[in-house]
C-alpha atoms as a PDB file:
ATOM      1  CA  MET A   1      12.466   5.259   0.652  1.00  0.00           C
ATOM      2  CA  SER A   2      10.942   7.316   3.577  1.00  0.00           C
ATOM      3  CA  LEU A   3      10.832  10.797   3.298  1.00  0.00           C
ATOM      4  CA  GLU A   4      11.865  11.334   6.817  1.00  0.00           C
ATOM      5  CA  LYS A   5      15.286   9.982   5.437  1.00  0.00           C
ATOM      6  CA  ARG A   6      15.011  11.963   2.060  1.00  0.00           C
ATOM      7  CA  ALA A   7      14.653  15.133   4.456  1.00  0.00           C
ATOM      8  CA  GLN A   8      17.408  13.389   6.696  1.00  0.00           C
ATOM      9  CA  LEU A   9      20.015  13.221   4.179  1.00  0.00           C
ATOM     10  CA  LEU A  10      19.177  16.956   2.606  1.00  0.00           C
ATOM     11  CA  TYR A  11      19.331  18.634   6.216  1.00  0.00           C
ATOM     12  CA  ALA A  12      23.280  17.387   5.526  1.00  0.00           C
ATOM     13  CA  ILE A  13      23.794  18.335   3.118  1.00  0.00           C
ATOM     14  CA  ALA A  14      22.211  21.673   2.483  1.00  0.00           C
ATOM     15  CA  GLN A  15      24.270  23.780   4.730  1.00  0.00           C
ATOM     16  CA  ASP A  16      27.930  22.643   3.071  1.00  0.00           C
ATOM     17  CA  PRO A  17      27.629  20.057   0.658  1.00  0.00           C
ATOM     18  CA  CYS A  18      29.476  17.262   1.142  1.00  0.00           C
ATOM     19  CA  GLY A  19      30.994  13.535  -0.674  1.00  0.00           C
ATOM     20  CA  VAL A  20      30.114  10.895  -0.058  1.00  0.00           C
ATOM     21  CA  ARG A  21      32.015   8.817   2.680  1.00  0.00           C
ATOM     22  CA  GLU A  22      31.171  12.210   4.462  1.00  0.00           C
ATOM     23  CA  ILE A  23      27.365  12.499   4.340  1.00  0.00           C
ATOM     24  CA  ILE A  24      27.756   7.816   5.334  1.00  0.00           C
ATOM     25  CA  GLN A  25      29.921   9.244   8.445  1.00  0.00           C
ATOM     26  CA  LYS A  26      27.700  12.144   8.880  1.00  0.00           C
ATOM     27  CA  LEU A  27      24.130  10.041   8.983  1.00  0.00           C
ATOM     28  CA  ARG A  28      25.947   6.733  10.025  1.00  0.00           C
ATOM     29  CA  TRP A  29      23.742   4.237   7.608  1.00  0.00           C
ATOM     30  CA  GLN A  30      25.287   1.679   5.763  1.00  0.00           C
ATOM     31  CA  PRO A  31      26.864   2.673   2.402  1.00  0.00           C
ATOM     32  CA  SER A  32      24.959   0.978  -0.317  1.00  0.00           C
ATOM     33  CA  PHE A  33      21.555   2.859   1.558  1.00  0.00           C
ATOM     34  CA  VAL A  34      22.937   5.926   1.115  1.00  0.00           C
ATOM     35  CA  ILE A  35      24.103   5.642  -2.540  1.00  0.00           C
ATOM     36  CA  SER A  36      20.794   4.214  -3.592  1.00  0.00           C
ATOM     37  CA  LEU A  37      19.249   6.862  -2.245  1.00  0.00           C
ATOM     38  CA  LEU A  38      21.443   9.625  -3.804  1.00  0.00           C
ATOM     39  CA  LYS A  39      20.517   8.052  -7.036  1.00  0.00           C
ATOM     40  CA  LYS A  40      16.787   7.971  -6.477  1.00  0.00           C
ATOM     41  CA  MET A  41      17.100  11.456  -5.271  1.00  0.00           C
ATOM     42  CA  ASN A  42      19.511  12.917  -7.941  1.00  0.00           C
ATOM     43  CA  ALA A  43      16.891  11.066 -10.265  1.00  0.00           C
ATOM     44  CA  GLU A  44      14.341  13.309  -8.852  1.00  0.00           C
ATOM     45  CA  LYS A  45      16.529  16.124  -8.861  1.00  0.00           C
ATOM     46  CA  LEU A  46      16.918  17.035  -5.266  1.00  0.00           C
ATOM     47  CA  VAL A  47      20.541  16.687  -5.088  1.00  0.00           C
ATOM     48  CA  GLU A  48      23.080  17.252  -7.969  1.00  0.00           C
ATOM     49  CA  ALA A  49      26.436  15.578  -7.887  1.00  0.00           C
ATOM     50  CA  GLU A  50      29.393  17.772  -8.627  1.00  0.00           C
ATOM     51  CA  TYR A  51      33.153  16.421  -9.311  1.00  0.00           C
ATOM     52  CA  THR A  52      35.929  18.192  -7.798  1.00  0.00           C
ATOM     53  CA  HIS A  53      39.393  17.846  -9.494  1.00  0.00           C
ATOM     54  CA  THR A  54      42.543  18.174  -7.057  1.00  0.00           C
ATOM     55  CA  ASN A  55      46.002  18.039  -7.927  1.00  0.00           C
ATOM     56  CA  LYS A  56      45.994  14.040  -6.427  1.00  0.00           C
ATOM     57  CA  ARG A  57      46.111  11.304  -8.021  1.00  0.00           C
ATOM     58  CA  GLY A  58      43.577   8.626  -8.357  1.00  0.00           C
ATOM     59  CA  ARG A  59      39.161   9.267  -8.697  1.00  0.00           C
ATOM     60  CA  PRO A  60      37.897  12.985  -8.654  1.00  0.00           C
ATOM     61  CA  LYS A  61      36.170  13.851  -5.740  1.00  0.00           C
ATOM     62  CA  LYS A  62      32.312  13.853  -6.141  1.00  0.00           C
ATOM     63  CA  THR A  63      30.195  16.736  -4.131  1.00  0.00           C
ATOM     64  CA  VAL A  64      26.919  15.851  -3.223  1.00  0.00           C
ATOM     65  CA  ALA A  65      25.215  19.191  -3.060  1.00  0.00           C
ATOM     66  CA  CYS A  66      21.121  20.592  -2.533  1.00  0.00           C
ATOM     67  CA  THR A  67      19.314  21.206  -5.499  1.00  0.00           C
ATOM     68  CA  ALA A  68      16.678  24.435  -5.606  1.00  0.00           C
ATOM     69  CA  LEU A  69      13.686  21.648  -5.443  1.00  0.00           C
ATOM     70  CA  GLY A  70      15.790  19.485  -2.843  1.00  0.00           C
ATOM     71  CA  LEU A  71      15.622  22.927  -0.739  1.00  0.00           C
ATOM     72  CA  GLU A  72      12.068  23.184  -1.814  1.00  0.00           C
ATOM     73  CA  PHE A  73      11.459  19.744  -0.574  1.00  0.00           C
ATOM     74  CA  LEU A  74      12.827  20.472   2.541  1.00  0.00           C
ATOM     75  CA  GLU A  75      10.880  23.915   3.221  1.00  0.00           C
ATOM     76  CA  ASP A  76       7.771  22.569   2.834  1.00  0.00           C
ATOM     77  CA  TYR A  77       8.812  18.849   5.476  1.00  0.00           C
ATOM     78  CA  LYS A  78       9.569  21.141   8.020  1.00  0.00           C
ATOM     79  CA  ARG A  79       5.607  23.259   7.148  1.00  0.00           C
ATOM     80  CA  LEU A  80       4.322  19.834   7.166  1.00  0.00           C
ATOM     81  CA  LYS A  81       6.504  18.597  10.315  1.00  0.00           C
ATOM     82  CA  MET A  82       4.913  21.528  12.192  1.00  0.00           C
ATOM     83  CA  LYS A  83       0.763  20.382  11.495  1.00  0.00           C
ATOM     84  CA  PRO A  84       0.630  16.866  12.591  1.00  0.00           C
ATOM     85  CA  ILE A  85      -2.558  15.218  11.576  1.00  0.00           C
ATOM     86  CA  ARG A  86      -4.544  14.202  14.767  1.00  0.00           C
ATOM     87  CA  ALA A  87      -7.534  11.759  14.370  1.00  0.00           C
ATOM     88  CA  ARG A  88      -9.852   9.589  16.818  1.00  0.00           C
ATOM     89  CA  LYS A  89      -9.675   5.424  15.714  1.00  0.00           C
ATOM     90  CA  GLU A  90     -13.613   6.649  15.443  1.00  0.00           C
ATOM     91  CA  ASP A  91     -12.856   9.524  13.200  1.00  0.00           C
ATOM     92  CA  LEU A  92     -11.465   6.926  10.629  1.00  0.00           C
ATOM     93  CA  GLU A  93     -13.604   4.476  11.168  1.00  0.00           C
ATOM     94  CA  ARG A  94     -16.179   6.845  10.430  1.00  0.00           C
ATOM     95  CA  ALA A  95     -14.510   8.539   7.353  1.00  0.00           C
ATOM     96  CA  THR A  96     -14.431   4.412   6.569  1.00  0.00           C
ATOM     97  CA  LYS A  97     -17.634   4.060   5.965  1.00  0.00           C
ATOM     98  CA  ASP A  98     -18.086   7.037   3.883  1.00  0.00           C
ATOM     99  CA  ALA A  99     -15.735   6.406   1.159  1.00  0.00           C
ATOM    100  CA  LEU A 100     -17.639   2.481   1.098  1.00  0.00           C
ATOM    101  CA  TYR A 101     -21.313   5.034   0.860  1.00  0.00           C
ATOM    102  CA  ALA A 102     -19.749   6.566  -1.195  1.00  0.00           C
ATOM    103  CA  LYS A 103     -18.380   3.553  -3.064  1.00  0.00           C
ATOM    104  CA  ARG A 104     -21.847   1.951  -2.871  1.00  0.00           C
ATOM    105  CA  LEU A 105     -23.649   5.153  -4.842  1.00  0.00           C
ATOM    106  CA  VAL A 106     -21.037   5.240  -7.510  1.00  0.00           C
ATOM    107  CA  ALA A 107     -21.821   1.528  -7.970  1.00  0.00           C
ATOM    108  CA  ALA A 108     -25.709   2.107  -8.413  1.00  0.00           C
ATOM    109  CA  GLY A 109     -25.454   5.026 -10.793  1.00  0.00           C
ATOM    110  CA  HIS A 110     -25.399   8.369  -8.379  1.00  0.00           C
ATOM    111  CA  SER A 111     -23.312  11.771  -7.824  1.00  0.00           C
ATOM    112  CA  PRO A 112     -22.180  11.472  -4.627  1.00  0.00           C
ATOM    113  CA  PHE A 113     -21.666  15.591  -4.582  1.00  0.00           C
ATOM    114  CA  ARG A 114     -25.137  16.119  -6.578  1.00  0.00           C
ATOM    115  CA  LEU A 115     -26.860  13.831  -3.781  1.00  0.00           C
ATOM    116  CA  PHE A 116     -25.072  16.285  -1.289  1.00  0.00           C
ATOM    117  CA  MET A 117     -25.757  19.462  -2.915  1.00  0.00           C
ATOM    118  CA  GLU A 118     -29.397  17.781  -2.639  1.00  0.00           C
ATOM    119  CA  LEU A 119     -29.155  17.220   0.930  1.00  0.00           C
ATOM    120  CA  ASN A 120     -27.598  20.639   1.665  1.00  0.00           C
ATOM    121  CA  THR A 121     -30.588  22.064   0.113  1.00  0.00           C
ATOM    122  CA  PHE A 122     -32.965  20.683   2.051  1.00  0.00           C
ATOM    123  CA  VAL A 123     -31.451  21.696   4.973  1.00  0.00           C
ATOM    124  CA  HIS A 124     -30.375  25.082   4.136  1.00  0.00           C
ATOM    125  CA  ASN A 125     -34.499  25.490   3.083  1.00  0.00           C
ATOM    126  CA  ILE A 126     -35.550  23.538   6.386  1.00  0.00           C
ATOM    127  CA  LYS A 127     -33.635  26.247   7.646  1.00  0.00           C
ATOM    128  CA  ILE A 128     -35.521  29.135   6.490  1.00  0.00           C
ATOM    129  CA  SER A 129     -38.498  28.311   6.985  1.00  0.00           C
ATOM    130  CA  SER A 130     -37.855  27.521  10.794  1.00  0.00           C
ATOM    131  CA  GLU A 131     -36.644  31.157  11.011  1.00  0.00           C
ATOM    132  CA  ALA A 132     -39.538  32.578   9.061  1.00  0.00           C
ATOM    133  CA  SER A 133     -42.448  30.713  11.535  1.00  0.00           C
END
C-alpha cells in the first residue's frame, strides 16, 4: 500500500474519528481495500479502533481514530510533500555510474571513502600550493 493512500486515510480521520462505512463513503474506495489498509495501519500503530456501545441492538460500532504516531506521520508526509526531489535524467545516469564505480572499488578491496578522502587531500594541497605562488 502506498504512502499516499495511508496519508489520505489519515487525513479523513484525523479531525473526526469515524466508522469504517463513513471512511468508505468519504474516500470512495472499495470496502475490502479500506479494511485491509486499516488492518495494516493498525498493526503499524498509525490508527486504533475503538468499539462504541450504543443502546441499539446488534454489533457495536467500530470507530477508527488516528494515533499520536499517525499524526506524526501526517506532519512528516506534509513536510516531505513540500520538498519534491528534482532530478534530471543526466543526474540519475551520473548517480548510477557513480554507484557502479563504487561497487567495483569495493569488489577490488578498496574503500571508496578512503579514496575520496585521499583525492580531497590532493585537491586541497594543490589549492594551497597555487595560492602560495
